[in-house]
Amino acid sequence: MDLITIIGLAAGTLTTIAFLPQMFQTWKTKSAKDVSFVMLITFMTGLFLWFIYGIILGALPIIIANGVTLFFNFIILLLKIKYR
């Protein structure tokens, strides 16, 4: 594995785990009132496009980071809808 891939994986890991506290906090408090619905939809659209872009390029760090982050944000979106 080359240095560029390692840097990409490290960046993807950090940006992906950044969403875990929000997801767990929303789950724990059963409240998502402070999470913007518009921000979630906009961000998830961007993540999906990055995911597709990564697939087209065959760039594993982009695919993994954006796929996992998209999944985490989908959970937050579901919790936002559930705990309205």
PDB file of N, CA and C in Angstrom:
ATOM      1  N   MET A   1       0.856  -1.178   0.000  1.00  0.00           N
ATOM      2  CA  MET A   1       0.000   0.000   0.000  1.00  0.00           C
ATOM      3  C   MET A   1       0.898   1.236   0.000  1.00  0.00           C
ATOM      4  N   ASP A   2       0.616   2.164  -0.894  1.00  0.00           N
ATOM      5  CA  ASP A   2       1.462   3.350  -1.008  1.00  0.00           C
ATOM      6  C   ASP A   2       1.035   4.444  -0.030  1.00  0.00           C
ATOM      7  N   LEU A   3       1.885   5.447   0.110  1.00  0.00           N
ATOM      8  CA  LEU A   3       1.671   6.532   1.067  1.00  0.00           C
ATOM      9  C   LEU A   3       0.382   7.305   0.767  1.00  0.00           C
ATOM     10  N   ILE A   4       0.090   7.535  -0.493  1.00  0.00           N
ATOM     11  CA  ILE A   4      -1.120   8.288  -0.856  1.00  0.00           C
ATOM     12  C   ILE A   4      -2.370   7.543  -0.396  1.00  0.00           C
ATOM     13  N   THR A   5      -2.392   6.225  -0.573  1.00  0.00           N
ATOM     14  CA  THR A   5      -3.538   5.429  -0.124  1.00  0.00           C
ATOM     15  C   THR A   5      -3.655   5.452   1.390  1.00  0.00           C
ATOM     16  N   ILE A   6      -2.529   5.371   2.078  1.00  0.00           N
ATOM     17  CA  ILE A   6      -2.529   5.417   3.547  1.00  0.00           C
ATOM     18  C   ILE A   6      -3.065   6.762   4.040  1.00  0.00           C
ATOM     19  N   ILE A   7      -2.632   7.847   3.420  1.00  0.00           N
ATOM     20  CA  ILE A   7      -3.137   9.174   3.788  1.00  0.00           C
ATOM     21  C   ILE A   7      -4.637   9.258   3.531  1.00  0.00           C
ATOM     22  N   GLY A   8      -5.090   8.748   2.394  1.00  0.00           N
ATOM     23  CA  GLY A   8      -6.515   8.747   2.070  1.00  0.00           C
ATOM     24  C   GLY A   8      -7.331   7.939   3.070  1.00  0.00           C
ATOM     25  N   LEU A   9      -6.819   6.776   3.448  1.00  0.00           N
ATOM     26  CA  LEU A   9      -7.522   5.942   4.432  1.00  0.00           C
ATOM     27  C   LEU A   9      -7.558   6.615   5.809  1.00  0.00           C
ATOM     28  N   ALA A  10      -6.460   7.248   6.198  1.00  0.00           N
ATOM     29  CA  ALA A  10      -6.420   7.949   7.486  1.00  0.00           C
ATOM     30  C   ALA A  10      -7.416   9.117   7.484  1.00  0.00           C
ATOM     31  N   ALA A  11      -7.426   9.904   6.416  1.00  0.00           N
ATOM     32  CA  ALA A  11      -8.362  11.030   6.313  1.00  0.00           C
ATOM     33  C   ALA A  11      -9.801  10.525   6.333  1.00  0.00           C
ATOM     34  N   GLY A  12     -10.073   9.476   5.581  1.00  0.00           N
ATOM     35  CA  GLY A  12     -11.413   8.909   5.548  1.00  0.00           C
ATOM     36  C   GLY A  12     -11.854   8.375   6.890  1.00  0.00           C
ATOM     37  N   THR A  13     -10.940   7.735   7.601  1.00  0.00           N
ATOM     38  CA  THR A  13     -11.257   7.201   8.929  1.00  0.00           C
ATOM     39  C   THR A  13     -11.624   8.321   9.896  1.00  0.00           C
ATOM     40  N   LEU A  14     -10.830   9.378   9.906  1.00  0.00           N
ATOM     41  CA  LEU A  14     -11.089  10.485  10.824  1.00  0.00           C
ATOM     42  C   LEU A  14     -12.399  11.202  10.502  1.00  0.00           C
ATOM     43  N   THR A  15     -12.650  11.470   9.232  1.00  0.00           N
ATOM     44  CA  THR A  15     -13.893  12.168   8.885  1.00  0.00           C
ATOM     45  C   THR A  15     -15.112  11.276   9.089  1.00  0.00           C
ATOM     46  N   THR A  16     -14.935   9.978   8.972  1.00  0.00           N
ATOM     47  CA  THR A  16     -16.047   9.056   9.179  1.00  0.00           C
ATOM     48  C   THR A  16     -16.383   8.927  10.659  1.00  0.00           C
ATOM     49  N   ILE A  17     -15.378   8.741  11.508  1.00  0.00           N
ATOM     50  CA  ILE A  17     -15.656   8.568  12.935  1.00  0.00           C
ATOM     51  C   ILE A  17     -16.132   9.869  13.578  1.00  0.00           C
ATOM     52  N   ALA A  18     -15.955  10.988  12.897  1.00  0.00           N
ATOM     53  CA  ALA A  18     -16.445  12.262  13.423  1.00  0.00           C
ATOM     54  C   ALA A  18     -17.962  12.257  13.586  1.00  0.00           C
ATOM     55  N   PHE A  19     -18.664  11.404  12.843  1.00  0.00           N
ATOM     56  CA  PHE A  19     -20.120  11.357  12.924  1.00  0.00           C
ATOM     57  C   PHE A  19     -20.638  10.401  13.990  1.00  0.00           C
ATOM     58  N   LEU A  20     -19.786   9.582  14.542  1.00  0.00           N
ATOM     59  CA  LEU A  20     -20.231   8.636  15.565  1.00  0.00           C
ATOM     60  C   LEU A  20     -20.787   9.317  16.813  1.00  0.00           C
ATOM     61  N   PRO A  21     -20.137  10.358  17.349  1.00  0.00           N
ATOM     62  CA  PRO A  21     -20.711  10.998  18.539  1.00  0.00           C
ATOM     63  C   PRO A  21     -22.124  11.544  18.298  1.00  0.00           C
ATOM     64  N   GLN A  22     -22.365  12.129  17.124  1.00  0.00           N
ATOM     65  CA  GLN A  22     -23.698  12.651  16.819  1.00  0.00           C
ATOM     66  C   GLN A  22     -24.711  11.522  16.737  1.00  0.00           C
ATOM     67  N   MET A  23     -24.331  10.442  16.088  1.00  0.00           N
ATOM     68  CA  MET A  23     -25.228   9.303  15.948  1.00  0.00           C
ATOM     69  C   MET A  23     -25.568   8.718  17.322  1.00  0.00           C
ATOM     70  N   PHE A  24     -24.554   8.502  18.164  1.00  0.00           N
ATOM     71  CA  PHE A  24     -24.793   7.928  19.492  1.00  0.00           C
ATOM     72  C   PHE A  24     -25.575   8.888  20.390  1.00  0.00           C
ATOM     73  N   GLN A  25     -25.284  10.182  20.293  1.00  0.00           N
ATOM     74  CA  GLN A  25     -26.005  11.174  21.098  1.00  0.00           C
ATOM     75  C   GLN A  25     -27.481  11.211  20.710  1.00  0.00           C
ATOM     76  N   THR A  26     -27.763  11.176  19.422  1.00  0.00           N
ATOM     77  CA  THR A  26     -29.147  11.185  18.951  1.00  0.00           C
ATOM     78  C   THR A  26     -29.865   9.929  19.415  1.00  0.00           C
ATOM     79  N   TRP A  27     -29.188   8.810  19.321  1.00  0.00           N
ATOM     80  CA  TRP A  27     -29.762   7.531  19.743  1.00  0.00           C
ATOM     81  C   TRP A  27     -30.041   7.542  21.249  1.00  0.00           C
ATOM     82  N   LYS A  28     -29.053   8.011  22.011  1.00  0.00           N
ATOM     83  CA  LYS A  28     -29.138   8.001  23.472  1.00  0.00           C
ATOM     84  C   LYS A  28     -30.240   8.939  23.989  1.00  0.00           C
ATOM     85  N   THR A  29     -30.284  10.155  23.463  1.00  0.00           N
ATOM     86  CA  THR A  29     -31.242  11.142  23.961  1.00  0.00           C
ATOM     87  C   THR A  29     -32.612  11.027  23.294  1.00  0.00           C
ATOM     88  N   LYS A  30     -32.670  10.244  22.212  1.00  0.00           N
ATOM     89  CA  LYS A  30     -33.902  10.106  21.429  1.00  0.00           C
ATOM     90  C   LYS A  30     -34.411  11.474  20.984  1.00  0.00           C
ATOM     91  N   SER A  31     -33.469  12.343  20.646  1.00  0.00           N
ATOM     92  CA  SER A  31     -33.795  13.679  20.172  1.00  0.00           C
ATOM     93  C   SER A  31     -32.833  14.071  19.063  1.00  0.00           C
ATOM     94  N   ALA A  32     -33.401  14.544  17.974  1.00  0.00           N
ATOM     95  CA  ALA A  32     -32.579  15.020  16.858  1.00  0.00           C
ATOM     96  C   ALA A  32     -32.997  16.428  16.460  1.00  0.00           C
ATOM     97  N   LYS A  33     -33.563  17.152  17.418  1.00  0.00           N
ATOM     98  CA  LYS A  33     -34.088  18.483  17.114  1.00  0.00           C
ATOM     99  C   LYS A  33     -32.993  19.456  16.675  1.00  0.00           C
ATOM    100  N   ASP A  34     -31.768  19.245  17.138  1.00  0.00           N
ATOM    101  CA  ASP A  34     -30.674  20.151  16.782  1.00  0.00           C
ATOM    102  C   ASP A  34     -29.968  19.758  15.492  1.00  0.00           C
ATOM    103  N   VAL A  35     -30.393  18.679  14.867  1.00  0.00           N
ATOM    104  CA  VAL A  35     -29.794  18.239  13.616  1.00  0.00           C
ATOM    105  C   VAL A  35     -30.659  18.766  12.474  1.00  0.00           C
ATOM    106  N   SER A  36     -30.054  19.515  11.587  1.00  0.00           N
ATOM    107  CA  SER A  36     -30.789  20.112  10.478  1.00  0.00           C
ATOM    108  C   SER A  36     -31.111  19.063   9.408  1.00  0.00           C
ATOM    109  N   PHE A  37     -32.386  18.957   9.071  1.00  0.00           N
ATOM    110  CA  PHE A  37     -32.835  18.019   8.035  1.00  0.00           C
ATOM    111  C   PHE A  37     -32.228  18.396   6.680  1.00  0.00           C
ATOM    112  N   VAL A  38     -32.237  19.684   6.358  1.00  0.00           N
ATOM    113  CA  VAL A  38     -31.692  20.151   5.077  1.00  0.00           C
ATOM    114  C   VAL A  38     -30.193  19.841   4.995  1.00  0.00           C
ATOM    115  N   MET A  39     -29.474  20.059   6.098  1.00  0.00           N
ATOM    116  CA  MET A  39     -28.045  19.755   6.112  1.00  0.00           C
ATOM    117  C   MET A  39     -27.812  18.271   5.873  1.00  0.00           C
ATOM    118  N   LEU A  40     -28.600  17.413   6.538  1.00  0.00           N
ATOM    119  CA  LEU A  40     -28.439  15.973   6.357  1.00  0.00           C
ATOM    120  C   LEU A  40     -28.656  15.553   4.908  1.00  0.00           C
ATOM    121  N   ILE A  41     -29.732  16.021   4.296  1.00  0.00           N
ATOM    122  CA  ILE A  41     -30.035  15.651   2.918  1.00  0.00           C
ATOM    123  C   ILE A  41     -28.955  16.169   1.965  1.00  0.00           C
ATOM    124  N   THR A  42     -28.531  17.414   2.158  1.00  0.00           N
ATOM    125  CA  THR A  42     -27.489  17.993   1.312  1.00  0.00           C
ATOM    126  C   THR A  42     -26.176  17.235   1.475  1.00  0.00           C
ATOM    127  N   PHE A  43     -25.803  16.982   2.714  1.00  0.00           N
ATOM    128  CA  PHE A  43     -24.553  16.282   2.989  1.00  0.00           C
ATOM    129  C   PHE A  43     -24.586  14.853   2.446  1.00  0.00           C
ATOM    130  N   MET A  44     -25.713  14.176   2.639  1.00  0.00           N
ATOM    131  CA  MET A  44     -25.831  12.795   2.157  1.00  0.00           C
ATOM    132  C   MET A  44     -25.789  12.737   0.631  1.00  0.00           C
ATOM    133  N   THR A  45     -26.329  13.732  -0.034  1.00  0.00           N
ATOM    134  CA  THR A  45     -26.243  13.795  -1.496  1.00  0.00           C
ATOM    135  C   THR A  45     -24.782  13.929  -1.928  1.00  0.00           C
ATOM    136  N   GLY A  46     -24.056  14.811  -1.237  1.00  0.00           N
ATOM    137  CA  GLY A  46     -22.629  14.959  -1.518  1.00  0.00           C
ATOM    138  C   GLY A  46     -21.856  13.679  -1.253  1.00  0.00           C
ATOM    139  N   LEU A  47     -22.154  13.008  -0.156  1.00  0.00           N
ATOM    140  CA  LEU A  47     -21.491  11.734   0.154  1.00  0.00           C
ATOM    141  C   LEU A  47     -21.761  10.693  -0.925  1.00  0.00           C
ATOM    142  N   PHE A  48     -23.009  10.633  -1.378  1.00  0.00           N
ATOM    143  CA  PHE A  48     -23.366   9.674  -2.428  1.00  0.00           C
ATOM    144  C   PHE A  48     -22.585   9.961  -3.708  1.00  0.00           C
ATOM    145  N   LEU A  49     -22.478  11.240  -4.061  1.00  0.00           N
ATOM    146  CA  LEU A  49     -21.724  11.601  -5.272  1.00  0.00           C
ATOM    147  C   LEU A  49     -20.236  11.284  -5.122  1.00  0.00           C
ATOM    148  N   TRP A  50     -19.670  11.540  -3.937  1.00  0.00           N
ATOM    149  CA  TRP A  50     -18.277  11.164  -3.676  1.00  0.00           C
ATOM    150  C   TRP A  50     -18.095   9.651  -3.771  1.00  0.00           C
ATOM    151  N   PHE A  51     -19.080   8.908  -3.253  1.00  0.00           N
ATOM    152  CA  PHE A  51     -19.046   7.448  -3.310  1.00  0.00           C
ATOM    153  C   PHE A  51     -19.017   6.973  -4.763  1.00  0.00           C
ATOM    154  N   ILE A  52     -19.888   7.516  -5.589  1.00  0.00           N
ATOM    155  CA  ILE A  52     -19.925   7.164  -7.016  1.00  0.00           C
ATOM    156  C   ILE A  52     -18.619   7.556  -7.692  1.00  0.00           C
ATOM    157  N   TYR A  53     -18.120   8.734  -7.375  1.00  0.00           N
ATOM    158  CA  TYR A  53     -16.852   9.211  -7.920  1.00  0.00           C
ATOM    159  C   TYR A  53     -15.713   8.242  -7.564  1.00  0.00           C
ATOM    160  N   GLY A  54     -15.699   7.801  -6.311  1.00  0.00           N
ATOM    161  CA  GLY A  54     -14.685   6.843  -5.879  1.00  0.00           C
ATOM    162  C   GLY A  54     -14.777   5.528  -6.631  1.00  0.00           C
ATOM    163  N   ILE A  55     -16.002   5.077  -6.887  1.00  0.00           N
ATOM    164  CA  ILE A  55     -16.188   3.839  -7.653  1.00  0.00           C
ATOM    165  C   ILE A  55     -15.656   4.015  -9.077  1.00  0.00           C
ATOM    166  N   ILE A  56     -15.985   5.149  -9.688  1.00  0.00           N
ATOM    167  CA  ILE A  56     -15.518   5.410 -11.054  1.00  0.00           C
ATOM    168  C   ILE A  56     -13.995   5.428 -11.120  1.00  0.00           C
ATOM    169  N   LEU A  57     -13.365   6.049 -10.112  1.00  0.00           N
ATOM    170  CA  LEU A  57     -11.901   6.115 -10.076  1.00  0.00           C
ATOM    171  C   LEU A  57     -11.258   4.821  -9.587  1.00  0.00           C
ATOM    172  N   GLY A  58     -12.047   4.007  -8.893  1.00  0.00           N
ATOM    173  CA  GLY A  58     -11.482   2.815  -8.278  1.00  0.00           C
ATOM    174  C   GLY A  58     -10.622   3.168  -7.076  1.00  0.00           C
ATOM    175  N   ALA A  59     -10.983   4.253  -6.391  1.00  0.00           N
ATOM    176  CA  ALA A  59     -10.204   4.749  -5.255  1.00  0.00           C
ATOM    177  C   ALA A  59     -10.804   4.222  -3.954  1.00  0.00           C
ATOM    178  N   LEU A  60     -10.185   3.181  -3.414  1.00  0.00           N
ATOM    179  CA  LEU A  60     -10.685   2.522  -2.216  1.00  0.00           C
ATOM    180  C   LEU A  60     -10.910   3.465  -1.031  1.00  0.00           C
ATOM    181  N   PRO A  61      -9.975   4.387  -0.713  1.00  0.00           N
ATOM    182  CA  PRO A  61     -10.224   5.286   0.422  1.00  0.00           C
ATOM    183  C   PRO A  61     -11.495   6.127   0.242  1.00  0.00           C
ATOM    184  N   ILE A  62     -11.742   6.604  -0.963  1.00  0.00           N
ATOM    185  CA  ILE A  62     -12.938   7.405  -1.225  1.00  0.00           C
ATOM    186  C   ILE A  62     -14.191   6.554  -1.117  1.00  0.00           C
ATOM    187  N   ILE A  63     -14.140   5.352  -1.638  1.00  0.00           N
ATOM    188  CA  ILE A  63     -15.290   4.448  -1.600  1.00  0.00           C
ATOM    189  C   ILE A  63     -15.645   4.089  -0.155  1.00  0.00           C
ATOM    190  N   ILE A  64     -14.659   3.642   0.601  1.00  0.00           N
ATOM    191  CA  ILE A  64     -14.901   3.196   1.980  1.00  0.00           C
ATOM    192  C   ILE A  64     -15.366   4.357   2.855  1.00  0.00           C
ATOM    193  N   ALA A  65     -14.616   5.459   2.837  1.00  0.00           N
ATOM    194  CA  ALA A  65     -14.942   6.587   3.723  1.00  0.00           C
ATOM    195  C   ALA A  65     -16.340   7.130   3.448  1.00  0.00           C
ATOM    196  N   ASN A  66     -16.653   7.345   2.199  1.00  0.00           N
ATOM    197  CA  ASN A  66     -17.946   7.935   1.882  1.00  0.00           C
ATOM    198  C   ASN A  66     -19.077   6.935   2.004  1.00  0.00           C
ATOM    199  N   GLY A  67     -18.829   5.670   1.737  1.00  0.00           N
ATOM    200  CA  GLY A  67     -19.857   4.644   1.925  1.00  0.00           C
ATOM    201  C   GLY A  67     -20.230   4.489   3.394  1.00  0.00           C
ATOM    202  N   VAL A  68     -19.237   4.411   4.253  1.00  0.00           N
ATOM    203  CA  VAL A  68     -19.494   4.252   5.689  1.00  0.00           C
ATOM    204  C   VAL A  68     -20.118   5.525   6.272  1.00  0.00           C
ATOM    205  N   THR A  69     -19.601   6.687   5.885  1.00  0.00           N
ATOM    206  CA  THR A  69     -20.159   7.944   6.381  1.00  0.00           C
ATOM    207  C   THR A  69     -21.596   8.118   5.900  1.00  0.00           C
ATOM    208  N   LEU A  70     -21.881   7.719   4.679  1.00  0.00           N
ATOM    209  CA  LEU A  70     -23.250   7.767   4.163  1.00  0.00           C
ATOM    210  C   LEU A  70     -24.164   6.874   4.998  1.00  0.00           C
ATOM    211  N   PHE A  71     -23.680   5.692   5.346  1.00  0.00           N
ATOM    212  CA  PHE A  71     -24.447   4.772   6.188  1.00  0.00           C
ATOM    213  C   PHE A  71     -24.732   5.386   7.562  1.00  0.00           C
ATOM    214  N   PHE A  72     -23.706   5.978   8.199  1.00  0.00           N
ATOM    215  CA  PHE A  72     -23.888   6.615   9.509  1.00  0.00           C
ATOM    216  C   PHE A  72     -24.899   7.762   9.422  1.00  0.00           C
ATOM    217  N   ASN A  73     -24.798   8.552   8.370  1.00  0.00           N
ATOM    218  CA  ASN A  73     -25.722   9.676   8.226  1.00  0.00           C
ATOM    219  C   ASN A  73     -27.131   9.208   7.888  1.00  0.00           C
ATOM    220  N   PHE A  74     -27.254   8.076   7.228  1.00  0.00           N
ATOM    221  CA  PHE A  74     -28.568   7.498   6.982  1.00  0.00           C
ATOM    222  C   PHE A  74     -29.212   7.109   8.316  1.00  0.00           C
ATOM    223  N   ILE A  75     -28.420   6.560   9.228  1.00  0.00           N
ATOM    224  CA  ILE A  75     -28.928   6.224  10.567  1.00  0.00           C
ATOM    225  C   ILE A  75     -29.382   7.496  11.281  1.00  0.00           C
ATOM    226  N   ILE A  76     -28.567   8.557  11.214  1.00  0.00           N
ATOM    227  CA  ILE A  76     -28.949   9.822  11.847  1.00  0.00           C
ATOM    228  C   ILE A  76     -30.244  10.348  11.221  1.00  0.00           C
ATOM    229  N   LEU A  77     -30.374  10.238   9.906  1.00  0.00           N
ATOM    230  CA  LEU A  77     -31.596  10.680   9.232  1.00  0.00           C
ATOM    231  C   LEU A  77     -32.806   9.881   9.713  1.00  0.00           C
ATOM    232  N   LEU A  78     -32.650   8.574   9.834  1.00  0.00           N
ATOM    233  CA  LEU A  78     -33.751   7.746  10.333  1.00  0.00           C
ATOM    234  C   LEU A  78     -34.128   8.122  11.763  1.00  0.00           C
ATOM    235  N   LEU A  79     -33.118   8.386  12.589  1.00  0.00           N
ATOM    236  CA  LEU A  79     -33.391   8.808  13.967  1.00  0.00           C
ATOM    237  C   LEU A  79     -34.054  10.193  13.985  1.00  0.00           C
ATOM    238  N   LYS A  80     -33.646  11.061  13.093  1.00  0.00           N
ATOM    239  CA  LYS A  80     -34.259  12.382  12.998  1.00  0.00           C
ATOM    240  C   LYS A  80     -35.745  12.245  12.660  1.00  0.00           C
ATOM    241  N   ILE A  81     -36.070  11.372  11.733  1.00  0.00           N
ATOM    242  CA  ILE A  81     -37.460  11.148  11.354  1.00  0.00           C
ATOM    243  C   ILE A  81     -38.228  10.460  12.492  1.00  0.00           C
ATOM    244  N   LYS A  82     -37.606   9.473  13.106  1.00  0.00           N
ATOM    245  CA  LYS A  82     -38.272   8.713  14.179  1.00  0.00           C
ATOM    246  C   LYS A  82     -38.556   9.569  15.406  1.00  0.00           C
ATOM    247  N   TYR A  83     -37.600  10.408  15.805  1.00  0.00           N
ATOM    248  CA  TYR A  83     -37.724  11.181  17.045  1.00  0.00           C
ATOM    249  C   TYR A  83     -38.179  12.609  16.798  1.00  0.00           C
ATOM    250  N   ARG A  84     -38.920  12.845  15.758  1.00  0.00           N
ATOM    251  CA  ARG A  84     -39.408  14.182  15.441  1.00  0.00           C
ATOM    252  C   ARG A  84     -40.080  14.824  16.610  1.00  0.00           C
TER     253      ARG A  84
END
